[in-house]
Amino acid sequence: MAITGPLPIPLPGVGETPTALPAKAPAASGESKFANVLQNSISEVNKLQQKADASITALATTGEASLHETMIAMEEASVSFKTMMQVRNKIVEAYQEVMRIQV
């Protein structure tokens, strides 16, 4: 049984060797890349939630799923959701901080 991390969020540049900076890209490209990272992370959390729900249903109705696997799936979903909420809180906090900046 392989145990994977609760929320695989790909972070560009982490674990890579530094290279020369690429030419300045248009802002829309960066925005869409950020949006894609967020969308992929939310989708992954949703998949983990659905997996946990299916495991709970299988355990309760047919008994096909083991209790251990069900509890692991539930905890993975819980930790992933909590992590996603903390990321959301940090994004909202950063947005509010930017909005407080006076020009």
Foldseek 3Di string as FASTA:
>chain_A
DDDDALFDQDDPPPPDDDDDDDDDDDPVVVVVVVVVSLVVRVVSLVVLVVVLVVLVVCCVPPNPHDPVVSVSSVVSSVVSVVVNVVVVVVVVVVVVVVVPDDD
